[in-house]
């Protein structure tokens, strides 16, 4: 088991879509657990639960993955670094750094921070009540 790279995480989150969220272009807290007082892509405010929700409380993406947007920030294995200037397939983060990458946003996040493309950096020694992780099992073919 291991943490996903940042590229693997975004690929899994998008599940073949190209929109900001796997369910479309807007989020207001009804489609994922985030702060619905600050919607993205809509002016309609939604709920703000102020805590984590049980896994599976919201619709899964096309690949059956739940809570890729909101609920808890998810740690990635990559160190934080600027994106390459040219397009790269399956990019890898720097070999070392001061901060790790978190993706997905959380229950405490403004909806825009829950977009599939949004990235956050954090000192690896820090822990908060809105951080978590999703492990993957590499498959050998």
Protein backbone atom coordinates (compact mmCIF):
# COMPACT_ATOMS: atom_id res chain seq x y z
CA UNK A 1 0.00 0.00 0.00
CA UNK A 2 1.13 3.55 -0.64
CA UNK A 3 -0.14 7.09 -1.01
CA UNK A 4 -0.97 8.16 -4.56
CA UNK A 5 1.17 10.64 -6.42
CA UNK A 6 -0.49 13.97 -7.10
CA UNK A 7 -1.06 12.96 -10.75
CA UNK A 8 -2.59 9.61 -9.74
CA UNK A 9 -4.87 11.34 -7.26
CA UNK A 10 -6.21 13.82 -9.85
CA UNK A 11 -6.65 11.08 -12.46
CA UNK A 12 -8.69 9.01 -9.99
CA UNK A 13 -10.71 12.04 -8.88
CA UNK A 14 -11.64 13.10 -12.41
CA UNK A 15 -12.63 9.56 -13.48
CA UNK A 16 -12.47 10.52 -17.15
CA UNK A 17 -14.09 13.96 -16.80
CA UNK A 18 -12.63 17.38 -17.65
CA UNK A 19 -14.86 19.54 -15.43
CA UNK A 20 -13.81 21.10 -12.10
CA UNK A 21 -15.68 18.34 -10.25
CA UNK A 22 -16.45 14.81 -11.43
CA UNK A 23 -20.16 15.69 -11.19
CA UNK A 24 -19.93 18.94 -13.18
CA UNK A 25 -18.95 22.59 -13.05
CA UNK A 26 -20.52 23.72 -9.76
CA UNK A 27 -20.36 22.82 -6.06
CA UNK A 28 -22.37 24.30 -3.20
CA UNK A 29 -22.10 21.68 -0.47
CA UNK A 30 -24.96 19.47 -1.64
CA UNK A 31 -22.74 17.25 -3.83
CA UNK A 32 -19.76 16.98 -1.44
CA UNK A 33 -18.94 17.85 2.18
CA UNK A 34 -17.51 21.39 2.12
CA UNK A 35 -18.48 24.88 3.28
CA UNK A 36 -21.59 25.54 1.21
CA UNK A 37 -21.61 29.19 2.32
CA UNK A 38 -18.95 29.75 -0.35
CA UNK A 39 -20.23 27.98 -3.50
CA UNK A 40 -18.24 27.56 -6.73
CA UNK A 41 -19.82 27.91 -10.18
CA UNK A 42 -23.22 28.88 -8.73
CA UNK A 43 -24.70 31.59 -6.53
CA UNK A 44 -26.85 29.10 -4.62
CA UNK A 45 -25.50 28.45 -1.15
CA UNK A 46 -25.65 24.97 0.29
CA UNK A 47 -25.17 23.25 3.65
CA UNK A 48 -22.15 23.50 5.93
CA UNK A 49 -21.98 20.44 8.20
CA UNK A 50 -18.91 21.67 10.15
CA UNK A 51 -17.60 18.11 10.56
CA UNK A 52 -16.64 15.05 8.53
CA UNK A 53 -19.36 12.91 7.04
CA UNK A 54 -19.49 9.12 6.78
CA UNK A 55 -17.78 7.73 3.69
CA UNK A 56 -20.35 7.16 0.98
CA UNK A 57 -22.67 9.98 2.06
CA UNK A 58 -22.38 11.49 -1.43
CA UNK A 59 -22.49 9.97 -4.92
CA UNK A 60 -19.36 8.16 -6.09
CA UNK A 61 -17.57 9.16 -9.28
CA UNK A 62 -17.78 7.00 -12.43
CA UNK A 63 -15.08 4.70 -11.06
CA UNK A 64 -16.86 4.11 -7.75
CA UNK A 65 -14.66 6.40 -5.64
CA UNK A 66 -16.42 8.36 -2.90
CA UNK A 67 -15.52 11.70 -1.31
CA UNK A 68 -12.81 12.74 -3.76
CA UNK A 69 -14.13 16.30 -3.32
CA UNK A 70 -14.41 17.61 0.23
CA UNK A 71 -14.75 15.75 3.53
CA UNK A 72 -10.98 15.58 4.30
CA UNK A 73 -7.87 16.83 2.51
CA UNK A 74 -5.96 13.82 1.18
CA UNK A 75 -2.19 13.47 1.47
CA UNK A 76 -0.25 12.66 -1.69
CA UNK A 77 3.23 11.14 -1.78
CA UNK A 78 4.72 14.05 -3.78
CA UNK A 79 6.70 16.91 -2.35
CA UNK A 80 5.19 20.23 -3.40
CA UNK A 81 6.79 21.90 -6.42
CA UNK A 82 5.78 24.19 -9.24
CA UNK A 83 4.19 22.48 -12.23
CA UNK A 84 6.44 21.95 -15.28
CA UNK A 85 6.14 24.54 -18.05
CA UNK A 86 5.56 21.86 -20.70
CA UNK A 87 2.83 19.20 -20.65
CA UNK A 88 4.04 15.99 -19.02
CA UNK A 89 2.31 12.60 -18.82
CA UNK A 90 2.25 11.20 -15.27
CA UNK A 91 4.46 13.94 -13.78
CA UNK A 92 6.42 13.24 -10.63
CA UNK A 93 7.00 15.79 -7.87
CA UNK A 94 10.44 16.90 -6.68
CA UNK A 95 12.63 14.34 -4.88
CA UNK A 96 12.74 16.51 -1.76
CA UNK A 97 11.15 19.61 -0.34
CA UNK A 98 9.68 21.36 2.66
CA UNK A 99 5.99 20.67 2.05
CA UNK A 100 3.85 17.76 0.86
CA UNK A 101 0.82 17.99 -1.41
CA UNK A 102 -2.77 17.73 -0.18
CA UNK A 103 -5.68 17.41 -2.61
CA UNK A 104 -9.49 17.38 -2.60
CA UNK A 105 -10.45 20.00 -0.02
CA UNK A 106 -12.33 19.24 3.18
CA UNK A 107 -15.48 19.89 5.19
CA UNK A 108 -13.83 23.12 6.35
CA UNK A 109 -12.97 24.30 2.81
CA UNK A 110 -14.44 26.95 0.58
CA UNK A 111 -15.95 25.02 -2.37
CA UNK A 112 -13.31 26.30 -4.83
CA UNK A 113 -10.60 24.47 -2.88
CA UNK A 114 -12.39 21.18 -3.60
CA UNK A 115 -11.84 21.32 -7.39
CA UNK A 116 -10.04 18.34 -8.96
CA UNK A 117 -7.17 20.61 -10.03
CA UNK A 118 -6.66 22.50 -6.75
CA UNK A 119 -3.52 21.70 -4.80
CA UNK A 120 -2.44 22.70 -1.31
CA UNK A 121 0.88 22.35 0.43
CA UNK A 122 1.55 21.54 4.06
CA UNK A 123 4.52 20.80 6.30
CA UNK A 124 4.60 16.99 6.73
CA UNK A 125 4.81 17.38 10.51
CA UNK A 126 1.46 19.17 10.73
CA UNK A 127 -1.78 17.31 11.46
CA UNK A 128 -5.28 18.75 11.51
CA UNK A 129 -8.81 17.41 12.02
CA UNK A 130 -9.61 17.88 8.34
CA UNK A 131 -6.69 15.88 6.87
CA UNK A 132 -6.78 12.24 5.85
CA UNK A 133 -5.42 9.87 3.29
CA UNK A 134 -6.46 7.37 0.65
CA UNK A 135 -4.08 4.51 -0.07
CA UNK A 136 -3.73 2.60 -3.28
CA UNK A 137 -2.68 -0.93 -3.97
CA UNK A 138 -0.39 -1.09 -7.01
CA UNK A 139 -1.38 -3.83 -9.45
CA UNK A 140 1.18 -5.72 -11.49
CA UNK A 141 -0.03 -6.78 -14.93
